[in-house]
Amino acid sequence: MVRSAYKHLSLVSKGATNLRDITDALWLRLREEAQEAYKRAPMLAPLFVDSILDQPSFEAAVFHRTSARLKNDTIPLSLLVETFHRAVAGDPGIVLALRADIHAVVERDPACERFIEPFLYFKGFHAIQTHRLAHWLWNNQEIDFALYLQSRSSDVFQTDIHPAAQFGGGIFLDHATGLVVGATAVVEDDVSVLQNVTLGGTGKETGDRHPKVRRGAIIGAGAKVLGNIEIGAYARIAAGSVVRHPVEPHTTVAGVPAKVIRKNDAEDSTCSVNQAINELSYDVFSYMI
């Protein structure tokens, strides 16, 4: 896991002064949303109760919900939950990153208005938590369990992320379907990735052969980023682009092959992700015309 990820915690709760404040505020908010949802949709009471209201903490609830989606006859719920807790005991930073992840979804997804939505329903959020567990297993030489989780995530969430790939915190996988990430890829803090994205190799390289995506970058739907190249901080890759060469920070590229179409000012990084994604869709349309 990319250690700089945990700097993103300052965004999780701007009024929080310590980790306990962050935990309590987020957990209280989620429980309130679950109680409201229970009243509106009592037919889903077991989902709200088992996943949130009967859980002792935010992280325990995330582990339970993610495990409930992954479990099958081979790997039961109890083993998955126990493994999540074992991973956190070995690397407490996992908990910090998952809090940043859920905040990233609510902050950046215009279709999301409540924390309960990514928590219960969004496979991108669950896929990145599954990868965090698989990555810990991989780094602790539990290779087969890590590869099993990669395969299981591919079945359940339609994402294929190699357990060795490194992710920071505040990751937003929008829709997530069709995401492929190679073993030596690095994705830093606050990166947003849409559906059908590939962070892959060229087929001609060995060793360190996958992209390095720096902080705050946005990769549009269907983009293919190939080879051991760097996508600079706050760079933007337009939908459908094929990127084979490095992209400088604060730069927008589009096309097949991708070419620079805009140099953004540093302050552009403060615009909303939704605004940036809309611009990327227009950019690739205009460029291809």
C-alpha atoms as a PDB file:
ATOM      1  CA  MET A   1       0.000   0.000   0.000  1.00  0.00           C
ATOM      2  CA  VAL A   2       1.258   3.473  -0.852  1.00  0.00           C
ATOM      3  CA  ARG A   3       2.168   5.083   2.458  1.00  0.00           C
ATOM      4  CA  SER A   4       1.306   8.631   1.363  1.00  0.00           C
ATOM      5  CA  ALA A   5      -2.305   7.469   1.207  1.00  0.00           C
ATOM      6  CA  TYR A   6      -2.939   8.258   4.827  1.00  0.00           C
ATOM      7  CA  LYS A   7      -2.427  12.000   4.358  1.00  0.00           C
ATOM      8  CA  HIS A   8      -5.904  11.935   2.807  1.00  0.00           C
ATOM      9  CA  LEU A   9      -7.371  11.506   6.291  1.00  0.00           C
ATOM     10  CA  SER A  10      -7.494  15.267   6.675  1.00  0.00           C
ATOM     11  CA  LEU A  11     -10.358  15.204   4.171  1.00  0.00           C
ATOM     12  CA  VAL A  12     -12.372  12.494   5.857  1.00  0.00           C
ATOM     13  CA  SER A  13     -13.736  14.838   8.501  1.00  0.00           C
ATOM     14  CA  LYS A  14     -12.594  18.431   8.446  1.00  0.00           C
ATOM     15  CA  GLY A  15     -13.824  18.955  12.000  1.00  0.00           C
ATOM     16  CA  ALA A  16     -12.029  15.938  13.405  1.00  0.00           C
ATOM     17  CA  THR A  17      -8.998  16.456  15.599  1.00  0.00           C
ATOM     18  CA  ASN A  18      -7.923  12.823  15.983  1.00  0.00           C
ATOM     19  CA  LEU A  19      -8.599   9.312  14.749  1.00  0.00           C
ATOM     20  CA  ARG A  20     -11.302   8.685  17.359  1.00  0.00           C
ATOM     21  CA  ASP A  21     -13.213  11.779  16.215  1.00  0.00           C
ATOM     22  CA  ILE A  22     -13.057  10.579  12.610  1.00  0.00           C
ATOM     23  CA  THR A  23     -14.213   7.093  13.561  1.00  0.00           C
ATOM     24  CA  ASP A  24     -17.079   8.280  15.728  1.00  0.00           C
ATOM     25  CA  ALA A  25     -18.361  10.899  13.277  1.00  0.00           C
ATOM     26  CA  LEU A  26     -18.393   8.576  10.274  1.00  0.00           C
ATOM     27  CA  TRP A  27     -19.838   5.640  12.211  1.00  0.00           C
ATOM     28  CA  LEU A  28     -22.574   7.787  13.752  1.00  0.00           C
ATOM     29  CA  ARG A  29     -23.511   9.174  10.343  1.00  0.00           C
ATOM     30  CA  LEU A  30     -23.696   5.696   8.795  1.00  0.00           C
ATOM     31  CA  ARG A  31     -25.854   4.329  11.612  1.00  0.00           C
ATOM     32  CA  GLU A  32     -28.242   7.270  11.311  1.00  0.00           C
ATOM     33  CA  GLU A  33     -28.567   6.637   7.583  1.00  0.00           C
ATOM     34  CA  ALA A  34     -29.192   2.929   8.232  1.00  0.00           C
ATOM     35  CA  GLN A  35     -31.970   3.734  10.700  1.00  0.00           C
ATOM     36  CA  GLU A  36     -33.597   6.086   8.209  1.00  0.00           C
ATOM     37  CA  ALA A  37     -33.299   3.502   5.439  1.00  0.00           C
ATOM     38  CA  TYR A  38     -34.833   0.859   7.736  1.00  0.00           C
ATOM     39  CA  LYS A  39     -37.930   3.030   8.130  1.00  0.00           C
ATOM     40  CA  ARG A  40     -38.254   3.646   4.388  1.00  0.00           C
ATOM     41  CA  ALA A  41     -37.569   0.077   3.278  1.00  0.00           C
ATOM     42  CA  PRO A  42     -38.455  -2.345   6.100  1.00  0.00           C
ATOM     43  CA  MET A  43     -38.328  -5.262   3.659  1.00  0.00           C
ATOM     44  CA  LEU A  44     -34.535  -4.791   3.652  1.00  0.00           C
ATOM     45  CA  ALA A  45     -34.290  -4.842   7.445  1.00  0.00           C
ATOM     46  CA  PRO A  46     -31.905  -7.840   7.555  1.00  0.00           C
ATOM     47  CA  LEU A  47     -29.472  -6.004   5.284  1.00  0.00           C
ATOM     48  CA  PHE A  48     -29.439  -2.848   7.419  1.00  0.00           C
ATOM     49  CA  VAL A  49     -29.312  -4.719  10.721  1.00  0.00           C
ATOM     50  CA  ASP A  50     -26.715  -7.353   9.830  1.00  0.00           C
ATOM     51  CA  SER A  51     -24.457  -5.018   7.884  1.00  0.00           C
ATOM     52  CA  ILE A  52     -24.575  -1.909  10.086  1.00  0.00           C
ATOM     53  CA  LEU A  53     -26.837  -1.762  13.128  1.00  0.00           C
ATOM     54  CA  ASP A  54     -25.551  -4.993  14.699  1.00  0.00           C
ATOM     55  CA  GLN A  55     -21.886  -4.224  13.986  1.00  0.00           C
ATOM     56  CA  PRO A  56     -19.577  -2.832  16.699  1.00  0.00           C
ATOM     57  CA  SER A  57     -17.583  -0.330  14.613  1.00  0.00           C
ATOM     58  CA  PHE A  58     -17.260   1.229  11.181  1.00  0.00           C
ATOM     59  CA  GLU A  59     -14.343  -0.917  10.104  1.00  0.00           C
ATOM     60  CA  ALA A  60     -15.993  -4.099  11.402  1.00  0.00           C
ATOM     61  CA  ALA A  61     -19.088  -3.196   9.406  1.00  0.00           C
ATOM     62  CA  VAL A  62     -17.053  -2.648   6.214  1.00  0.00           C
ATOM     63  CA  PHE A  63     -15.295  -5.965   6.685  1.00  0.00           C
ATOM     64  CA  HIS A  64     -18.601  -7.757   7.269  1.00  0.00           C
ATOM     65  CA  ARG A  65     -20.357  -6.222   4.266  1.00  0.00           C
ATOM     66  CA  THR A  66     -17.448  -6.815   1.881  1.00  0.00           C
ATOM     67  CA  SER A  67     -17.058 -10.378   3.150  1.00  0.00           C
ATOM     68  CA  ALA A  68     -20.776 -11.025   2.747  1.00  0.00           C
ATOM     69  CA  ARG A  69     -20.456 -10.218  -0.946  1.00  0.00           C
ATOM     70  CA  LEU A  70     -17.320 -12.365  -1.380  1.00  0.00           C
ATOM     71  CA  LYS A  71     -18.294 -15.447   0.618  1.00  0.00           C
ATOM     72  CA  ASN A  72     -19.133 -18.760  -1.018  1.00  0.00           C
ATOM     73  CA  ASP A  73     -18.910 -22.487  -0.258  1.00  0.00           C
ATOM     74  CA  THR A  74     -15.117 -22.379  -0.483  1.00  0.00           C
ATOM     75  CA  ILE A  75     -14.458 -19.356   1.754  1.00  0.00           C
ATOM     76  CA  PRO A  76     -17.107 -18.690   4.432  1.00  0.00           C
ATOM     77  CA  LEU A  77     -18.043 -15.305   5.817  1.00  0.00           C
ATOM     78  CA  SER A  78     -16.387 -15.953   9.172  1.00  0.00           C
ATOM     79  CA  LEU A  79     -12.991 -16.722   7.617  1.00  0.00           C
ATOM     80  CA  LEU A  80     -13.062 -13.599   5.463  1.00  0.00           C
ATOM     81  CA  VAL A  81     -14.005 -11.355   8.388  1.00  0.00           C
ATOM     82  CA  GLU A  82     -11.307 -12.916  10.543  1.00  0.00           C
ATOM     83  CA  THR A  83      -8.741 -12.376   7.795  1.00  0.00           C
ATOM     84  CA  PHE A  84      -9.704  -8.702   7.457  1.00  0.00           C
ATOM     85  CA  HIS A  85      -9.172  -8.226  11.195  1.00  0.00           C
ATOM     86  CA  ARG A  86      -5.863 -10.080  11.000  1.00  0.00           C
ATOM     87  CA  ALA A  87      -4.750  -7.791   8.193  1.00  0.00           C
ATOM     88  CA  VAL A  88      -5.677  -4.658  10.132  1.00  0.00           C
ATOM     89  CA  ALA A  89      -3.779  -5.918  13.176  1.00  0.00           C
ATOM     90  CA  GLY A  90      -0.743  -6.197  10.906  1.00  0.00           C
ATOM     91  CA  ASP A  91      -1.324  -2.916   9.069  1.00  0.00           C
ATOM     92  CA  PRO A  92      -3.643  -0.384  10.777  1.00  0.00           C
ATOM     93  CA  GLY A  93      -3.257   1.862   7.741  1.00  0.00           C
ATOM     94  CA  ILE A  94      -5.835  -0.280   5.949  1.00  0.00           C
ATOM     95  CA  VAL A  95      -8.538   1.217   8.164  1.00  0.00           C
ATOM     96  CA  LEU A  96      -7.355   4.740   7.428  1.00  0.00           C
ATOM     97  CA  ALA A  97      -7.408   4.099   3.690  1.00  0.00           C
ATOM     98  CA  LEU A  98     -10.904   2.597   3.639  1.00  0.00           C
ATOM     99  CA  ARG A  99     -12.295   5.641   5.462  1.00  0.00           C
ATOM    100  CA  ALA A 100     -10.690   7.875   2.869  1.00  0.00           C
ATOM    101  CA  ASP A 101     -12.152   5.652   0.123  1.00  0.00           C
ATOM    102  CA  ILE A 102     -15.755   5.968   1.273  1.00  0.00           C
ATOM    103  CA  HIS A 103     -15.389   9.715   1.685  1.00  0.00           C
ATOM    104  CA  ALA A 104     -13.961   9.914  -1.847  1.00  0.00           C
ATOM    105  CA  VAL A 105     -17.074   8.268  -3.299  1.00  0.00           C
ATOM    106  CA  VAL A 106     -19.490  10.601  -1.509  1.00  0.00           C
ATOM    107  CA  GLU A 107     -17.363  13.630  -2.326  1.00  0.00           C
ATOM    108  CA  ARG A 108     -16.829  12.895  -6.037  1.00  0.00           C
ATOM    109  CA  ASP A 109     -19.853  10.916  -7.245  1.00  0.00           C
ATOM    110  CA  PRO A 110     -22.774  13.252  -8.034  1.00  0.00           C
ATOM    111  CA  ALA A 111     -25.167  10.286  -7.926  1.00  0.00           C
ATOM    112  CA  CYS A 112     -24.208   9.492  -4.319  1.00  0.00           C
ATOM    113  CA  GLU A 113     -25.808  11.468  -1.492  1.00  0.00           C
ATOM    114  CA  ARG A 114     -25.325   9.157   1.507  1.00  0.00           C
ATOM    115  CA  PHE A 115     -22.485   7.084   2.962  1.00  0.00           C
ATOM    116  CA  ILE A 116     -24.788   4.072   3.087  1.00  0.00           C
ATOM    117  CA  GLU A 117     -24.901   3.897  -0.710  1.00  0.00           C
ATOM    118  CA  PRO A 118     -21.249   2.973  -1.380  1.00  0.00           C
ATOM    119  CA  PHE A 119     -21.129   1.086   1.903  1.00  0.00           C
ATOM    120  CA  LEU A 120     -23.932  -1.315   0.916  1.00  0.00           C
ATOM    121  CA  TYR A 121     -24.218  -1.222  -2.846  1.00  0.00           C
ATOM    122  CA  PHE A 122     -21.231   0.124  -4.795  1.00  0.00           C
ATOM    123  CA  LYS A 123     -18.979  -2.622  -6.104  1.00  0.00           C
ATOM    124  CA  GLY A 124     -16.132  -0.182  -6.746  1.00  0.00           C
ATOM    125  CA  PHE A 125     -15.886   0.518  -3.015  1.00  0.00           C
ATOM    126  CA  HIS A 126     -16.057  -3.192  -2.181  1.00  0.00           C
ATOM    127  CA  ALA A 127     -13.553  -4.085  -4.895  1.00  0.00           C
ATOM    128  CA  ILE A 128     -10.889  -1.737  -3.555  1.00  0.00           C
ATOM    129  CA  GLN A 129     -11.378  -3.089  -0.006  1.00  0.00           C
ATOM    130  CA  THR A 130     -11.007  -6.624  -1.345  1.00  0.00           C
ATOM    131  CA  HIS A 131      -7.793  -5.579  -3.036  1.00  0.00           C
ATOM    132  CA  ARG A 132      -6.466  -4.046   0.181  1.00  0.00           C
ATOM    133  CA  LEU A 133      -6.917  -7.414   1.883  1.00  0.00           C
ATOM    134  CA  ALA A 134      -5.411  -9.335  -1.047  1.00  0.00           C
ATOM    135  CA  HIS A 135      -2.438  -6.940  -1.124  1.00  0.00           C
ATOM    136  CA  TRP A 136      -1.761  -7.523   2.570  1.00  0.00           C
ATOM    137  CA  LEU A 137      -1.954 -11.288   2.067  1.00  0.00           C
ATOM    138  CA  TRP A 138       0.408 -11.046  -0.909  1.00  0.00           C
ATOM    139  CA  ASN A 139       2.948  -9.048   1.070  1.00  0.00           C
ATOM    140  CA  ASN A 140       2.752 -11.582   3.897  1.00  0.00           C
ATOM    141  CA  GLN A 141       3.445 -14.543   1.620  1.00  0.00           C
ATOM    142  CA  GLU A 142      -0.123 -15.876   1.645  1.00  0.00           C
ATOM    143  CA  ILE A 143       0.040 -15.970  -2.127  1.00  0.00           C
ATOM    144  CA  ASP A 144      -2.705 -18.459  -2.917  1.00  0.00           C
ATOM    145  CA  PHE A 145      -5.264 -16.766  -0.676  1.00  0.00           C
ATOM    146  CA  ALA A 146      -4.380 -13.416  -2.298  1.00  0.00           C
ATOM    147  CA  LEU A 147      -4.787 -14.830  -5.805  1.00  0.00           C
ATOM    148  CA  TYR A 148      -8.049 -16.472  -4.797  1.00  0.00           C
ATOM    149  CA  LEU A 149      -9.410 -13.105  -3.669  1.00  0.00           C
ATOM    150  CA  GLN A 150      -8.301 -11.542  -6.957  1.00  0.00           C
ATOM    151  CA  SER A 151     -10.236 -14.240  -8.813  1.00  0.00           C
ATOM    152  CA  ARG A 152     -13.253 -13.941  -6.548  1.00  0.00           C
ATOM    153  CA  SER A 153     -13.333 -10.146  -6.946  1.00  0.00           C
ATOM    154  CA  SER A 154     -13.254 -10.642 -10.705  1.00  0.00           C
ATOM    155  CA  ASP A 155     -16.293 -12.934 -10.444  1.00  0.00           C
ATOM    156  CA  VAL A 156     -18.294 -10.758  -8.045  1.00  0.00           C
ATOM    157  CA  PHE A 157     -17.270  -7.187  -8.872  1.00  0.00           C
ATOM    158  CA  GLN A 158     -15.943  -7.578 -12.445  1.00  0.00           C
ATOM    159  CA  THR A 159     -12.590  -6.063 -11.455  1.00  0.00           C
ATOM    160  CA  ASP A 160      -9.250  -7.777 -11.965  1.00  0.00           C
ATOM    161  CA  ILE A 161      -6.577  -6.154  -9.799  1.00  0.00           C
ATOM    162  CA  HIS A 162      -3.373  -8.072  -9.199  1.00  0.00           C
ATOM    163  CA  PRO A 163      -2.670  -8.406  -5.456  1.00  0.00           C
ATOM    164  CA  ALA A 164       0.807  -6.919  -5.860  1.00  0.00           C
ATOM    165  CA  ALA A 165      -0.508  -3.627  -7.282  1.00  0.00           C
ATOM    166  CA  GLN A 166      -0.131  -0.669  -4.898  1.00  0.00           C
ATOM    167  CA  PHE A 167      -3.002   1.705  -4.126  1.00  0.00           C
ATOM    168  CA  GLY A 168      -3.111   4.810  -1.984  1.00  0.00           C
ATOM    169  CA  GLY A 169      -6.148   6.114  -0.135  1.00  0.00           C
ATOM    170  CA  GLY A 170      -9.143   8.088  -1.314  1.00  0.00           C
ATOM    171  CA  ILE A 171      -9.581   5.854  -4.371  1.00  0.00           C
ATOM    172  CA  PHE A 172     -12.789   6.283  -6.370  1.00  0.00           C
ATOM    173  CA  LEU A 173     -13.608   3.397  -8.732  1.00  0.00           C
ATOM    174  CA  ASP A 174     -16.702   4.664 -10.500  1.00  0.00           C
ATOM    175  CA  HIS A 175     -18.841   1.710 -11.668  1.00  0.00           C
ATOM    176  CA  ALA A 176     -15.630  -0.384 -11.695  1.00  0.00           C
ATOM    177  CA  THR A 177     -16.827  -2.933 -14.259  1.00  0.00           C
ATOM    178  CA  GLY A 178     -14.003  -4.112 -16.495  1.00  0.00           C
ATOM    179  CA  LEU A 179     -11.134  -2.579 -14.512  1.00  0.00           C
ATOM    180  CA  VAL A 180      -7.811  -4.398 -15.040  1.00  0.00           C
ATOM    181  CA  VAL A 181      -4.672  -3.457 -13.078  1.00  0.00           C
ATOM    182  CA  GLY A 182      -1.310  -5.166 -13.505  1.00  0.00           C
ATOM    183  CA  ALA A 183       1.044  -6.388 -10.804  1.00  0.00           C
ATOM    184  CA  THR A 184       3.599  -3.553 -10.871  1.00  0.00           C
ATOM    185  CA  ALA A 185       1.084  -0.722 -11.196  1.00  0.00           C
ATOM    186  CA  VAL A 186       1.067   2.059  -8.593  1.00  0.00           C
ATOM    187  CA  VAL A 187      -1.999   4.229  -7.990  1.00  0.00           C
ATOM    188  CA  GLU A 188      -1.484   7.074  -5.541  1.00  0.00           C
ATOM    189  CA  ASP A 189      -3.924   9.000  -3.342  1.00  0.00           C
ATOM    190  CA  ASP A 190      -7.149  10.587  -4.569  1.00  0.00           C
ATOM    191  CA  VAL A 191      -7.148   8.959  -8.007  1.00  0.00           C
ATOM    192  CA  SER A 192     -10.467   8.472  -9.817  1.00  0.00           C
ATOM    193  CA  VAL A 193     -10.885   5.626 -12.307  1.00  0.00           C
ATOM    194  CA  LEU A 194     -13.963   4.946 -14.409  1.00  0.00           C
ATOM    195  CA  GLN A 195     -15.183   1.674 -15.917  1.00  0.00           C
ATOM    196  CA  ASN A 196     -13.332  -0.504 -18.444  1.00  0.00           C
ATOM    197  CA  VAL A 197      -9.941   1.035 -17.689  1.00  0.00           C
ATOM    198  CA  THR A 198      -6.756  -0.988 -18.149  1.00  0.00           C
ATOM    199  CA  LEU A 199      -3.509  -0.197 -16.352  1.00  0.00           C
ATOM    200  CA  GLY A 200      -1.518  -2.837 -18.180  1.00  0.00           C
ATOM    201  CA  GLY A 201       1.691  -3.811 -19.905  1.00  0.00           C
ATOM    202  CA  THR A 202       2.608  -3.641 -23.547  1.00  0.00           C
ATOM    203  CA  GLY A 203       3.339  -7.339 -23.815  1.00  0.00           C
ATOM    204  CA  LYS A 204       6.972  -6.604 -24.632  1.00  0.00           C
ATOM    205  CA  GLU A 205       8.259  -5.796 -21.149  1.00  0.00           C
ATOM    206  CA  THR A 206       9.289  -7.763 -18.090  1.00  0.00           C
ATOM    207  CA  GLY A 207       9.874  -6.692 -14.505  1.00  0.00           C
ATOM    208  CA  ASP A 208       8.457  -3.268 -13.640  1.00  0.00           C
ATOM    209  CA  ARG A 209       6.097  -2.960 -16.601  1.00  0.00           C
ATOM    210  CA  HIS A 210       2.886  -1.209 -15.519  1.00  0.00           C
ATOM    211  CA  PRO A 211       1.799   2.443 -15.119  1.00  0.00           C
ATOM    212  CA  LYS A 212       2.452   4.716 -12.169  1.00  0.00           C
ATOM    213  CA  VAL A 213      -0.569   6.965 -11.634  1.00  0.00           C
ATOM    214  CA  ARG A 214       0.201   9.932  -9.420  1.00  0.00           C
ATOM    215  CA  ARG A 215      -1.993  11.757  -6.966  1.00  0.00           C
ATOM    216  CA  GLY A 216      -5.319  13.196  -8.075  1.00  0.00           C
ATOM    217  CA  ALA A 217      -5.248  11.862 -11.646  1.00  0.00           C
ATOM    218  CA  ILE A 218      -8.525  11.020 -13.412  1.00  0.00           C
ATOM    219  CA  ILE A 219      -8.720   8.182 -15.925  1.00  0.00           C
ATOM    220  CA  GLY A 220     -11.809   8.238 -18.133  1.00  0.00           C
ATOM    221  CA  ALA A 221     -14.008   5.311 -19.142  1.00  0.00           C
ATOM    222  CA  GLY A 222     -12.435   2.788 -21.471  1.00  0.00           C
ATOM    223  CA  ALA A 223      -8.958   4.313 -21.366  1.00  0.00           C
ATOM    224  CA  LYS A 224      -5.956   2.003 -21.781  1.00  0.00           C
ATOM    225  CA  VAL A 225      -2.726   3.068 -20.104  1.00  0.00           C
ATOM    226  CA  LEU A 226       0.057   0.717 -21.119  1.00  0.00           C
ATOM    227  CA  GLY A 227       3.648   0.216 -20.042  1.00  0.00           C
ATOM    228  CA  ASN A 228       5.894   1.462 -17.264  1.00  0.00           C
ATOM    229  CA  ILE A 229       4.947   5.096 -17.762  1.00  0.00           C
ATOM    230  CA  GLU A 230       4.066   7.876 -15.350  1.00  0.00           C
ATOM    231  CA  ILE A 231       0.719   9.636 -15.344  1.00  0.00           C
ATOM    232  CA  GLY A 232       1.507  12.873 -13.540  1.00  0.00           C
ATOM    233  CA  ALA A 233      -0.336  14.375 -10.601  1.00  0.00           C
ATOM    234  CA  TYR A 234      -3.796  15.701 -11.497  1.00  0.00           C
ATOM    235  CA  ALA A 235      -3.412  14.603 -15.111  1.00  0.00           C
ATOM    236  CA  ARG A 236      -6.572  13.676 -17.007  1.00  0.00           C
ATOM    237  CA  ILE A 237      -6.949  10.832 -19.474  1.00  0.00           C
ATOM    238  CA  ALA A 238      -9.995  11.236 -21.732  1.00  0.00           C
ATOM    239  CA  ALA A 239     -12.432   8.373 -22.253  1.00  0.00           C
ATOM    240  CA  GLY A 240     -11.365   5.791 -24.809  1.00  0.00           C
ATOM    241  CA  SER A 241      -7.781   7.010 -25.033  1.00  0.00           C
ATOM    242  CA  VAL A 242      -4.785   4.718 -25.512  1.00  0.00           C
ATOM    243  CA  VAL A 243      -1.777   6.057 -23.606  1.00  0.00           C
ATOM    244  CA  ARG A 244       1.694   4.678 -24.359  1.00  0.00           C
ATOM    245  CA  HIS A 245       3.867   7.608 -23.259  1.00  0.00           C
ATOM    246  CA  PRO A 246       4.250   9.555 -19.984  1.00  0.00           C
ATOM    247  CA  VAL A 247       1.748  12.308 -19.227  1.00  0.00           C
ATOM    248  CA  GLU A 248       2.965  15.399 -17.424  1.00  0.00           C
ATOM    249  CA  PRO A 249       1.206  16.693 -14.293  1.00  0.00           C
ATOM    250  CA  HIS A 250      -1.874  18.885 -14.833  1.00  0.00           C
ATOM    251  CA  THR A 251      -2.145  17.777 -18.463  1.00  0.00           C
ATOM    252  CA  THR A 252      -5.139  16.416 -20.399  1.00  0.00           C
ATOM    253  CA  VAL A 253      -4.585  13.840 -23.139  1.00  0.00           C
ATOM    254  CA  ALA A 254      -7.062  12.268 -25.545  1.00  0.00           C
ATOM    255  CA  GLY A 255      -7.197  10.052 -28.591  1.00  0.00           C
ATOM    256  CA  VAL A 256      -5.722   6.885 -30.082  1.00  0.00           C
ATOM    257  CA  PRO A 257      -2.842   7.246 -29.611  1.00  0.00           C
ATOM    258  CA  ALA A 258      -3.285   9.829 -26.884  1.00  0.00           C
ATOM    259  CA  LYS A 259      -1.967  13.327 -27.509  1.00  0.00           C
ATOM    260  CA  VAL A 260      -1.833  16.413 -25.322  1.00  0.00           C
ATOM    261  CA  ILE A 261      -4.892  18.593 -25.875  1.00  0.00           C
ATOM    262  CA  ARG A 262      -4.635  20.879 -22.864  1.00  0.00           C
ATOM    263  CA  LYS A 263      -2.193  22.074 -20.236  1.00  0.00           C
ATOM    264  CA  ASN A 264      -4.175  22.775 -17.097  1.00  0.00           C
ATOM    265  CA  ASP A 265      -3.293  25.349 -14.486  1.00  0.00           C
ATOM    266  CA  ALA A 266      -2.356  23.897 -11.118  1.00  0.00           C
ATOM    267  CA  GLU A 267      -5.499  25.401  -9.577  1.00  0.00           C
ATOM    268  CA  ASP A 268      -7.618  23.303 -11.971  1.00  0.00           C
ATOM    269  CA  SER A 269      -6.966  20.376  -9.662  1.00  0.00           C
ATOM    270  CA  THR A 270      -9.450  21.892  -7.234  1.00  0.00           C
ATOM    271  CA  CYS A 271     -12.408  21.575  -9.603  1.00  0.00           C
ATOM    272  CA  SER A 272     -14.896  18.814  -8.945  1.00  0.00           C
ATOM    273  CA  VAL A 273     -14.177  15.373 -10.294  1.00  0.00           C
ATOM    274  CA  ASN A 274     -17.635  15.300 -11.851  1.00  0.00           C
ATOM    275  CA  GLN A 275     -16.859  18.520 -13.743  1.00  0.00           C
ATOM    276  CA  ALA A 276     -13.535  17.098 -14.876  1.00  0.00           C
ATOM    277  CA  ILE A 277     -15.125  13.849 -16.068  1.00  0.00           C
ATOM    278  CA  ASN A 278     -17.721  15.760 -18.065  1.00  0.00           C
ATOM    279  CA  GLU A 279     -14.946  17.804 -19.654  1.00  0.00           C
ATOM    280  CA  LEU A 280     -13.013  14.644 -20.510  1.00  0.00           C
ATOM    281  CA  SER A 281     -16.023  13.181 -22.314  1.00  0.00           C
ATOM    282  CA  TYR A 282     -16.384  16.361 -24.374  1.00  0.00           C
ATOM    283  CA  ASP A 283     -12.642  16.509 -25.026  1.00  0.00           C
ATOM    284  CA  VAL A 284     -12.475  13.048 -26.539  1.00  0.00           C
ATOM    285  CA  PHE A 285     -15.601  13.677 -28.633  1.00  0.00           C
ATOM    286  CA  SER A 286     -14.197  16.942 -29.997  1.00  0.00           C
ATOM    287  CA  TYR A 287     -10.779  15.444 -30.599  1.00  0.00           C
ATOM    288  CA  MET A 288     -12.110  12.450 -32.563  1.00  0.00           C
ATOM    289  CA  ILE A 289     -14.261  14.711 -34.739  1.00  0.00           C
END
